[in-house]
Structure formats: C-alpha cells, structure tokens
C-alpha atoms as a PDB file:
ATOM      1  CA  MET A   1       1.541  13.103 -11.354  1.00  0.00           C
ATOM      2  CA  SER A   2       5.009  12.500 -11.496  1.00  0.00           C
ATOM      3  CA  GLY A   3       7.498  11.517  -8.959  1.00  0.00           C
ATOM      4  CA  LEU A   4       9.179   8.847  -7.112  1.00  0.00           C
ATOM      5  CA  ARG A   5       7.673   5.781  -7.944  1.00  0.00           C
ATOM      6  CA  PHE A   6       8.095   2.134  -5.785  1.00  0.00           C
ATOM      7  CA  PRO A   7       7.062  -0.935  -7.456  1.00  0.00           C
ATOM      8  CA  PHE A   8       5.200  -3.617  -5.765  1.00  0.00           C
ATOM      9  CA  ARG A   9       7.304  -6.740  -4.751  1.00  0.00           C
ATOM     10  CA  PHE A  10       5.802 -10.047  -6.569  1.00  0.00           C
ATOM     11  CA  ASP A  11       6.302 -13.560  -5.098  1.00  0.00           C
ATOM     12  CA  PRO A  12       5.836 -15.674  -8.322  1.00  0.00           C
ATOM     13  CA  PRO A  13       3.737 -18.480  -6.071  1.00  0.00           C
ATOM     14  CA  PHE A  14       1.042 -15.830  -5.800  1.00  0.00           C
ATOM     15  CA  ARG A  15       1.348 -13.855  -9.077  1.00  0.00           C
ATOM     16  CA  PRO A  16      -1.253 -16.052 -11.286  1.00  0.00           C
ATOM     17  CA  ALA A  17      -3.815 -14.860  -8.636  1.00  0.00           C
ATOM     18  CA  LEU A  18      -3.374 -11.390  -8.016  1.00  0.00           C
ATOM     19  CA  ALA A  19      -3.403 -11.348 -12.045  1.00  0.00           C
ATOM     20  CA  LEU A  20      -6.693 -12.209 -11.911  1.00  0.00           C
ATOM     21  CA  LEU A  21      -7.361  -9.913  -9.859  1.00  0.00           C
ATOM     22  CA  GLY A  22      -5.790  -7.603 -12.385  1.00  0.00           C
ATOM     23  CA  VAL A  23      -2.924  -7.066  -9.638  1.00  0.00           C
ATOM     24  CA  ARG A  24       0.604  -7.134 -12.147  1.00  0.00           C
ATOM     25  CA  PRO A  25       3.672  -5.304 -12.030  1.00  0.00           C
ATOM     26  CA  GLU A  26       2.422  -2.783 -14.482  1.00  0.00           C
ATOM     27  CA  THR A  27      -0.733  -1.929 -12.528  1.00  0.00           C
ATOM     28  CA  ALA A  28       0.838  -1.804  -8.738  1.00  0.00           C
ATOM     29  CA  TRP A  29       2.660   0.512  -7.451  1.00  0.00           C
ATOM     30  CA  VAL A  30       2.988   3.746  -4.923  1.00  0.00           C
ATOM     31  CA  GLU A  31       3.976   7.136  -6.348  1.00  0.00           C
ATOM     32  CA  VAL A  32       4.867  10.258  -4.077  1.00  0.00           C
ATOM     33  CA  ASP A  33       5.308  13.623  -5.260  1.00  0.00           C
ATOM     34  CA  GLU A  34       5.749  16.942  -3.191  1.00  0.00           C
ATOM     35  CA  ALA A  35       1.739  17.051  -3.125  1.00  0.00           C
ATOM     36  CA  ARG A  36       0.289  13.785  -2.454  1.00  0.00           C
ATOM     37  CA  LEU A  37       0.590  10.017  -2.473  1.00  0.00           C
ATOM     38  CA  LEU A  38      -0.700   7.561  -4.566  1.00  0.00           C
ATOM     39  CA  VAL A  39      -1.056   3.675  -4.422  1.00  0.00           C
ATOM     40  CA  ARG A  40      -2.259   1.604  -7.389  1.00  0.00           C
ATOM     41  CA  PHE A  41      -3.302  -1.963  -6.715  1.00  0.00           C
ATOM     42  CA  GLY A  42      -4.638  -3.585 -10.006  1.00  0.00           C
ATOM     43  CA  PRO A  43      -8.242  -2.004  -9.998  1.00  0.00           C
ATOM     44  CA  TRP A  44      -8.033  -0.558  -6.389  1.00  0.00           C
ATOM     45  CA  ARG A  45      -6.951   3.497  -5.941  1.00  0.00           C
ATOM     46  CA  LEU A  46      -6.053   5.648  -2.679  1.00  0.00           C
ATOM     47  CA  THR A  47      -4.582   8.639  -3.034  1.00  0.00           C
ATOM     48  CA  THR A  48      -4.428  11.388  -0.188  1.00  0.00           C
ATOM     49  CA  ALA A  49      -2.140  15.198   0.215  1.00  0.00           C
ATOM     50  CA  ARG A  50       1.420  14.599   1.507  1.00  0.00           C
ATOM     51  CA  ALA A  51       0.788  16.207   4.350  1.00  0.00           C
ATOM     52  CA  ASN A  52      -1.922  13.640   5.303  1.00  0.00           C
ATOM     53  CA  VAL A  53       0.549  11.206   6.210  1.00  0.00           C
ATOM     54  CA  ALA A  54       0.983  10.622   9.904  1.00  0.00           C
ATOM     55  CA  GLY A  55       3.452   8.269  10.069  1.00  0.00           C
ATOM     56  CA  VAL A  56       5.321   4.672   8.674  1.00  0.00           C
ATOM     57  CA  THR A  57       6.259   1.718  10.530  1.00  0.00           C
ATOM     58  CA  ARG A  58       8.152  -0.920   8.853  1.00  0.00           C
ATOM     59  CA  GLY A  59       6.262  -4.605   9.219  1.00  0.00           C
ATOM     60  CA  GLY A  60       6.445  -8.021   8.210  1.00  0.00           C
ATOM     61  CA  PRO A  61       7.273 -11.010   6.762  1.00  0.00           C
ATOM     62  CA  TYR A  62       3.796 -11.674   6.726  1.00  0.00           C
ATOM     63  CA  ARG A  63       1.542 -14.636   6.757  1.00  0.00           C
ATOM     64  CA  TRP A  64       0.721 -14.906   3.209  1.00  0.00           C
ATOM     65  CA  TRP A  65      -3.330 -15.585   4.158  1.00  0.00           C
ATOM     66  CA  ARG A  66      -3.242 -12.382   5.505  1.00  0.00           C
ATOM     67  CA  VAL A  67      -1.147 -10.094   2.824  1.00  0.00           C
ATOM     68  CA  ILE A  68      -1.885 -11.607   0.022  1.00  0.00           C
ATOM     69  CA  GLY A  69      -4.212  -9.442  -2.338  1.00  0.00           C
ATOM     70  CA  PRO A  70      -6.563  -6.283  -1.004  1.00  0.00           C
ATOM     71  CA  HIS A  71      -7.451  -7.053   2.551  1.00  0.00           C
ATOM     72  CA  LEU A  72      -9.506  -4.790   5.510  1.00  0.00           C
ATOM     73  CA  SER A  73      -8.619  -4.995   8.968  1.00  0.00           C
ATOM     74  CA  LEU A  74     -11.533  -5.731  11.434  1.00  0.00           C
ATOM     75  CA  VAL A  75      -9.600  -4.585  13.765  1.00  0.00           C
ATOM     76  CA  ASP A  76      -8.618  -1.002  12.525  1.00  0.00           C
ATOM     77  CA  ARG A  77     -10.075  -1.301   9.522  1.00  0.00           C
ATOM     78  CA  GLY A  78      -7.187  -0.534   7.657  1.00  0.00           C
ATOM     79  CA  VAL A  79      -6.276  -1.714   4.344  1.00  0.00           C
ATOM     80  CA  THR A  80      -3.140  -4.066   3.017  1.00  0.00           C
ATOM     81  CA  PHE A  81      -2.422  -4.151  -0.507  1.00  0.00           C
ATOM     82  CA  GLY A  82      -0.127  -7.227  -0.624  1.00  0.00           C
ATOM     83  CA  SER A  83       1.677  -9.194  -3.246  1.00  0.00           C
ATOM     84  CA  SER A  84       4.349 -10.659  -1.245  1.00  0.00           C
ATOM     85  CA  THR A  85       5.475 -12.068   2.060  1.00  0.00           C
ATOM     86  CA  SER A  86       8.906  -9.980   2.328  1.00  0.00           C
ATOM     87  CA  PRO A  87       8.841  -7.353   4.986  1.00  0.00           C
ATOM     88  CA  GLY A  88       6.348  -4.270   4.115  1.00  0.00           C
ATOM     89  CA  LEU A  89       5.250  -0.702   5.122  1.00  0.00           C
ATOM     90  CA  CYS A  90       2.734   0.898   7.171  1.00  0.00           C
ATOM     91  CA  VAL A  91       1.609   3.907   5.972  1.00  0.00           C
ATOM     92  CA  ARG A  92      -0.450   6.157   8.714  1.00  0.00           C
ATOM     93  CA  PHE A  93      -2.719   8.798   8.307  1.00  0.00           C
ATOM     94  CA  GLY A  94      -3.854  11.648   9.773  1.00  0.00           C
ATOM     95  CA  THR A  95      -7.361  11.632   8.144  1.00  0.00           C
ATOM     96  CA  SER A  96      -8.467   7.932   7.267  1.00  0.00           C
ATOM     97  CA  VAL A  97      -8.892   7.829   3.531  1.00  0.00           C
ATOM     98  CA  PRO A  98     -11.492   5.048   1.294  1.00  0.00           C
ATOM     99  CA  ALA A  99      -9.463   2.565  -1.211  1.00  0.00           C
ATOM    100  CA  LEU A 100     -11.587  -0.885  -0.793  1.00  0.00           C
ATOM    101  CA  ALA A 101     -15.012   0.142  -1.936  1.00  0.00           C
ATOM    102  CA  PRO A 102     -16.654   2.641  -4.316  1.00  0.00           C
ATOM    103  CA  GLY A 103     -17.158   5.884  -2.701  1.00  0.00           C
ATOM    104  CA  SER A 104     -16.034   6.894   0.566  1.00  0.00           C
ATOM    105  CA  TRP A 105     -18.409   5.277   2.960  1.00  0.00           C
ATOM    106  CA  LEU A 106     -15.708   2.843   4.147  1.00  0.00           C
ATOM    107  CA  ARG A 107     -12.318   5.024   5.319  1.00  0.00           C
ATOM    108  CA  HIS A 108      -9.020   3.567   6.427  1.00  0.00           C
ATOM    109  CA  PRO A 109      -6.754   5.292   8.916  1.00  0.00           C
ATOM    110  CA  ALA A 110      -3.728   3.352   6.879  1.00  0.00           C
ATOM    111  CA  VAL A 111      -2.325   0.811   4.210  1.00  0.00           C
ATOM    112  CA  THR A 112       0.227  -1.513   4.603  1.00  0.00           C
ATOM    113  CA  VAL A 113       2.328  -1.925   1.221  1.00  0.00           C
ATOM    114  CA  THR A 114       4.351  -4.643   0.008  1.00  0.00           C
ATOM    115  CA  VAL A 115       7.110  -2.607  -2.663  1.00  0.00           C
ATOM    116  CA  ALA A 116      10.339  -3.971  -3.195  1.00  0.00           C
ATOM    117  CA  ASP A 117      11.663  -0.945  -0.785  1.00  0.00           C
ATOM    118  CA  PRO A 118       9.878  -0.120   1.861  1.00  0.00           C
ATOM    119  CA  ASP A 119      12.792   1.445   3.265  1.00  0.00           C
ATOM    120  CA  ALA A 120      13.294   3.736   0.368  1.00  0.00           C
ATOM    121  CA  LEU A 121       8.872   4.593   0.402  1.00  0.00           C
ATOM    122  CA  ALA A 122       9.624   5.390   4.075  1.00  0.00           C
ATOM    123  CA  ASP A 123      12.442   7.751   3.754  1.00  0.00           C
ATOM    124  CA  ALA A 124      10.414   8.993   0.721  1.00  0.00           C
ATOM    125  CA  LEU A 125       7.492   9.720   2.982  1.00  0.00           C
ATOM    126  CA  GLY A 126       9.624  11.400   5.614  1.00  0.00           C
ATOM    127  CA  GLY A 127       9.996   8.710   8.203  1.00  0.00           C
ATOM    128  CA  THR A 128      12.478   5.878   8.720  1.00  0.00           C
ATOM    129  CA  GLY A 129      10.001   3.127   9.008  1.00  0.00           C
ATOM    130  CA  ARG A 130      12.580   1.409  11.143  1.00  0.00           C
END
C-alpha cells in the first residue's frame, strides 16, 4: 500500500519500554491512501476501508498511564496506540474493526493514535479533527 504515511511521535522517556514491545519509529505509523487506512504499532495492525472512517476528533494531551502502549477502553472497546502524551487523533469507524487480539472476535469502534502531526492525518481522512 502506498499513500501518505504519518509517523508516531515518541516521547523519549517511553521509548525503551515501547521498544521491548516491538514498537519503534520504524515499526509504528499510520498510512492512508484512496482505499484504505492502515495503522501499524509494532506487532499490532489495524486496517479498514477508507469508506469505513466515520469521523475524527483531536484529543489530548493525555496522562501517560492511559495512552502509552496498546490500550483497550473498557468503556467503549476503543483501542489506543500511544507513544506520546502529546495530542493525538481519535478515528471513529462506521463498522468496528479488529486490532488488539488475533482474529476478529474483539472489534473496536475507534482507534486513538499519537502521530506526530494529528492535524495532517485528520485532513488526509477528510475531517478537521479540531
């Protein structure tokens, strides 16, 4: 898939712990093209049709214990892939998608990502996110 690639922002204090999980700058990014949205966060992947993106919302800054690493929201089953406490972007889906667990039994209605430029990702997805 070739398209626009958005790297994750990495806060220096969290880099060693994230690296132990396999999450490093070269293995963590969001890519958008005409047809798909692909999120790679170390060993985790989320992919969906671009048409499944229902909206975006800018969020943060975040508390480190709520955002660093892969997280599942117990409130709404949303997934977070976080590498920074800086503002990020929540991408909502029309149809929930798998990401955290193998297979498709655990599906997420949204993903929050802490990319370096959340506004540019929001624009690429067709929303302002602000």
